[in-house]
C-alpha atoms as a PDB file:
ATOM      1  CA  MET A   1     -19.374 -25.750  -1.091  1.00  0.00           C
ATOM      2  CA  SER A   2     -21.247 -22.959  -2.429  1.00  0.00           C
ATOM      3  CA  THR A   3     -24.963 -23.579  -2.875  1.00  0.00           C
ATOM      4  CA  SER A   4     -26.671 -21.753  -6.188  1.00  0.00           C
ATOM      5  CA  ALA A   5     -30.113 -20.591  -6.408  1.00  0.00           C
ATOM      6  CA  THR A   6     -31.301 -23.879  -8.000  1.00  0.00           C
ATOM      7  CA  GLY A   7     -29.816 -26.083  -5.247  1.00  0.00           C
ATOM      8  CA  THR A   8     -27.138 -27.665  -7.192  1.00  0.00           C
ATOM      9  CA  HIS A   9     -23.445 -27.730  -5.562  1.00  0.00           C
ATOM     10  CA  ALA A  10     -20.736 -25.450  -7.628  1.00  0.00           C
ATOM     11  CA  ALA A  11     -17.527 -27.041  -7.288  1.00  0.00           C
ATOM     12  CA  PRO A  12     -14.894 -24.147  -5.887  1.00  0.00           C
ATOM     13  CA  SER A  13     -12.368 -22.854  -8.575  1.00  0.00           C
ATOM     14  CA  ARG A  14      -8.930 -20.972  -8.241  1.00  0.00           C
ATOM     15  CA  ALA A  15      -9.004 -17.696  -8.850  1.00  0.00           C
ATOM     16  CA  GLN A  16      -7.096 -16.247 -11.349  1.00  0.00           C
ATOM     17  CA  PHE A  17      -4.921 -12.964 -11.196  1.00  0.00           C
ATOM     18  CA  GLY A  18      -3.057 -10.817 -13.859  1.00  0.00           C
ATOM     19  CA  ASP A  19       0.844 -10.108 -13.582  1.00  0.00           C
ATOM     20  CA  LEU A  20       1.264  -7.639 -11.128  1.00  0.00           C
ATOM     21  CA  GLY A  21       4.795  -7.016 -11.761  1.00  0.00           C
ATOM     22  CA  PRO A  22       6.319  -3.688 -12.609  1.00  0.00           C
ATOM     23  CA  ASP A  23       5.841  -4.756 -16.432  1.00  0.00           C
ATOM     24  CA  ALA A  24       2.468  -5.319 -15.842  1.00  0.00           C
ATOM     25  CA  ARG A  25      -0.345  -4.068 -18.403  1.00  0.00           C
ATOM     26  CA  THR A  26      -3.770  -2.750 -18.422  1.00  0.00           C
ATOM     27  CA  GLY A  27      -6.353  -5.839 -19.185  1.00  0.00           C
ATOM     28  CA  ALA A  28      -7.057  -4.328 -22.526  1.00  0.00           C
ATOM     29  CA  GLY A  29      -3.306  -4.841 -23.214  1.00  0.00           C
ATOM     30  CA  GLY A  30      -2.279  -1.174 -23.309  1.00  0.00           C
ATOM     31  CA  ASP A  31      -0.139   0.888 -21.199  1.00  0.00           C
ATOM     32  CA  VAL A  32      -0.806   1.463 -17.775  1.00  0.00           C
ATOM     33  CA  SER A  33      -2.301   5.180 -17.116  1.00  0.00           C
ATOM     34  CA  LEU A  34      -1.239   7.291 -13.937  1.00  0.00           C
ATOM     35  CA  ASP A  35      -4.414   9.617 -14.738  1.00  0.00           C
ATOM     36  CA  LEU A  36      -6.119   7.583 -11.944  1.00  0.00           C
ATOM     37  CA  ILE A  37      -3.953   8.417  -9.267  1.00  0.00           C
ATOM     38  CA  MET A  38      -2.909  12.327 -10.523  1.00  0.00           C
ATOM     39  CA  ASP A  39      -5.271  13.791  -7.777  1.00  0.00           C
ATOM     40  CA  VAL A  40      -4.199  11.785  -5.079  1.00  0.00           C
ATOM     41  CA  ALA A  41      -2.790  13.772  -2.052  1.00  0.00           C
ATOM     42  CA  VAL A  42       0.859  13.301  -0.799  1.00  0.00           C
ATOM     43  CA  THR A  43       2.554  14.885   1.872  1.00  0.00           C
ATOM     44  CA  VAL A  44       5.670  16.824   1.307  1.00  0.00           C
ATOM     45  CA  ALA A  45       7.902  17.392   4.146  1.00  0.00           C
ATOM     46  CA  LEU A  46      11.460  18.946   4.428  1.00  0.00           C
ATOM     47  CA  GLU A  47      14.008  17.746   6.811  1.00  0.00           C
ATOM     48  CA  VAL A  48      16.598  20.021   8.283  1.00  0.00           C
ATOM     49  CA  GLY A  49      18.393  17.331  10.268  1.00  0.00           C
ATOM     50  CA  ARG A  50      17.640  14.965  13.296  1.00  0.00           C
ATOM     51  CA  ALA A  51      18.572  14.655  16.920  1.00  0.00           C
ATOM     52  CA  SER A  52      18.539  11.866  19.464  1.00  0.00           C
ATOM     53  CA  ILE A  53      17.688  12.775  22.929  1.00  0.00           C
ATOM     54  CA  THR A  54      16.382  11.011  26.275  1.00  0.00           C
ATOM     55  CA  VAL A  55      12.970  11.497  27.702  1.00  0.00           C
ATOM     56  CA  ARG A  56      14.553  13.627  30.565  1.00  0.00           C
ATOM     57  CA  GLU A  57      16.203  15.935  27.881  1.00  0.00           C
ATOM     58  CA  LEU A  58      12.561  16.026  26.284  1.00  0.00           C
ATOM     59  CA  LEU A  59      10.913  16.749  29.175  1.00  0.00           C
ATOM     60  CA  GLN A  60      13.368  19.792  30.064  1.00  0.00           C
ATOM     61  CA  LEU A  61      12.636  21.765  26.865  1.00  0.00           C
ATOM     62  CA  THR A  62      11.479  25.355  27.362  1.00  0.00           C
ATOM     63  CA  PRO A  63      11.201  28.155  24.920  1.00  0.00           C
ATOM     64  CA  GLY A  64      14.738  29.152  23.918  1.00  0.00           C
ATOM     65  CA  SER A  65      15.862  25.704  24.252  1.00  0.00           C
ATOM     66  CA  ILE A  66      18.516  24.720  21.454  1.00  0.00           C
ATOM     67  CA  VAL A  67      18.546  21.183  20.109  1.00  0.00           C
ATOM     68  CA  GLU A  68      21.391  20.470  18.071  1.00  0.00           C
ATOM     69  CA  LEU A  69      20.873  18.402  15.055  1.00  0.00           C
ATOM     70  CA  ASP A  70      23.062  16.094  13.057  1.00  0.00           C
ATOM     71  CA  ARG A  71      23.466  18.589   9.963  1.00  0.00           C
ATOM     72  CA  LEU A  72      25.741  21.360   9.129  1.00  0.00           C
ATOM     73  CA  ALA A  73      24.593  24.755   8.551  1.00  0.00           C
ATOM     74  CA  GLY A  74      24.121  25.144   4.763  1.00  0.00           C
ATOM     75  CA  GLU A  75      24.037  21.182   4.241  1.00  0.00           C
ATOM     76  CA  PRO A  76      20.743  20.385   1.728  1.00  0.00           C
ATOM     77  CA  LEU A  77      17.803  19.654   3.073  1.00  0.00           C
ATOM     78  CA  ASP A  78      15.907  16.326   2.432  1.00  0.00           C
ATOM     79  CA  VAL A  79      12.441  16.380   0.428  1.00  0.00           C
ATOM     80  CA  LEU A  80      10.251  13.584   1.897  1.00  0.00           C
ATOM     81  CA  VAL A  81       7.181  12.887   0.075  1.00  0.00           C
ATOM     82  CA  ASN A  82       5.020  10.609   2.698  1.00  0.00           C
ATOM     83  CA  GLY A  83       7.963   9.674   4.398  1.00  0.00           C
ATOM     84  CA  ILE A  84      10.237   8.171   1.545  1.00  0.00           C
ATOM     85  CA  LYS A  85      13.257  10.294   0.472  1.00  0.00           C
ATOM     86  CA  VAL A  86      12.833  11.720  -2.941  1.00  0.00           C
ATOM     87  CA  ALA A  87      15.383  14.306  -3.258  1.00  0.00           C
ATOM     88  CA  ARG A  88      17.490  16.766  -1.617  1.00  0.00           C
ATOM     89  CA  GLY A  89      17.523  20.836  -1.924  1.00  0.00           C
ATOM     90  CA  GLU A  90      18.212  24.610  -0.699  1.00  0.00           C
ATOM     91  CA  VAL A  91      15.900  26.979   1.061  1.00  0.00           C
ATOM     92  CA  VAL A  92      14.816  29.729  -1.016  1.00  0.00           C
ATOM     93  CA  VAL A  93      12.386  32.374  -0.216  1.00  0.00           C
ATOM     94  CA  VAL A  94       9.282  32.688  -2.786  1.00  0.00           C
ATOM     95  CA  ASN A  95       6.922  35.663  -2.574  1.00  0.00           C
ATOM     96  CA  GLU A  96       7.921  36.048   1.466  1.00  0.00           C
ATOM     97  CA  LYS A  97       7.136  32.262   1.771  1.00  0.00           C
ATOM     98  CA  PHE A  98       9.974  29.475   2.047  1.00  0.00           C
ATOM     99  CA  GLY A  99      10.305  26.915  -0.818  1.00  0.00           C
ATOM    100  CA  ILE A 100      13.311  24.778  -1.864  1.00  0.00           C
ATOM    101  CA  ARG A 101      15.262  24.591  -4.852  1.00  0.00           C
ATOM    102  CA  LEU A 102      16.071  20.975  -5.844  1.00  0.00           C
ATOM    103  CA  THR A 103      19.681  20.213  -6.313  1.00  0.00           C
ATOM    104  CA  GLU A 104      19.442  16.430  -6.563  1.00  0.00           C
ATOM    105  CA  VAL A 105      16.636  13.994  -7.211  1.00  0.00           C
ATOM    106  CA  VAL A 106      16.794  10.251  -5.764  1.00  0.00           C
ATOM    107  CA  PRO A 107      16.388   7.991  -9.038  1.00  0.00           C
ATOM    108  CA  PRO A 108      13.257   6.192  -9.487  1.00  0.00           C
ATOM    109  CA  ALA A 109      14.699   2.629  -9.216  1.00  0.00           C
ATOM    110  CA  GLU A 110      16.247   3.699  -5.555  1.00  0.00           C
ATOM    111  CA  ARG A 111      12.756   5.389  -4.444  1.00  0.00           C
ATOM    112  CA  MET A 112      10.999   2.064  -5.259  1.00  0.00           C
ATOM    113  CA  GLU A 113      13.498   0.268  -3.512  1.00  0.00           C
ATOM    114  CA  LYS A 114      12.771   2.110  -0.270  1.00  0.00           C
ATOM    115  CA  VAL A 115       8.618   1.486  -0.842  1.00  0.00           C
ATOM    116  CA  LYS A 116       9.144  -2.268  -0.808  1.00  0.00           C
END
């Protein structure tokens, strides 16, 4: 129990929270706005492929070593945002820098399943 400034005891009550599901609305009954998160930075990474090696093999790597990846040359790269695959694409060069041309975008419902 808590005591108020007047010294009387207030009875505790259960906290009430609104719906936090995918169809949740703002308290005013309007649509949920994404404006609040538009400037949040995310990490975008391109994954060429993966390899599984032993610690012994890792310690033996030197300049010029080749690590064979699980993808064929020319296969699309995975585009990851904060570690979640959101698309696939091919490497391009734009103004002498690498870029990626998206060839496939993961549907939003499938992306959300990975987050849960």
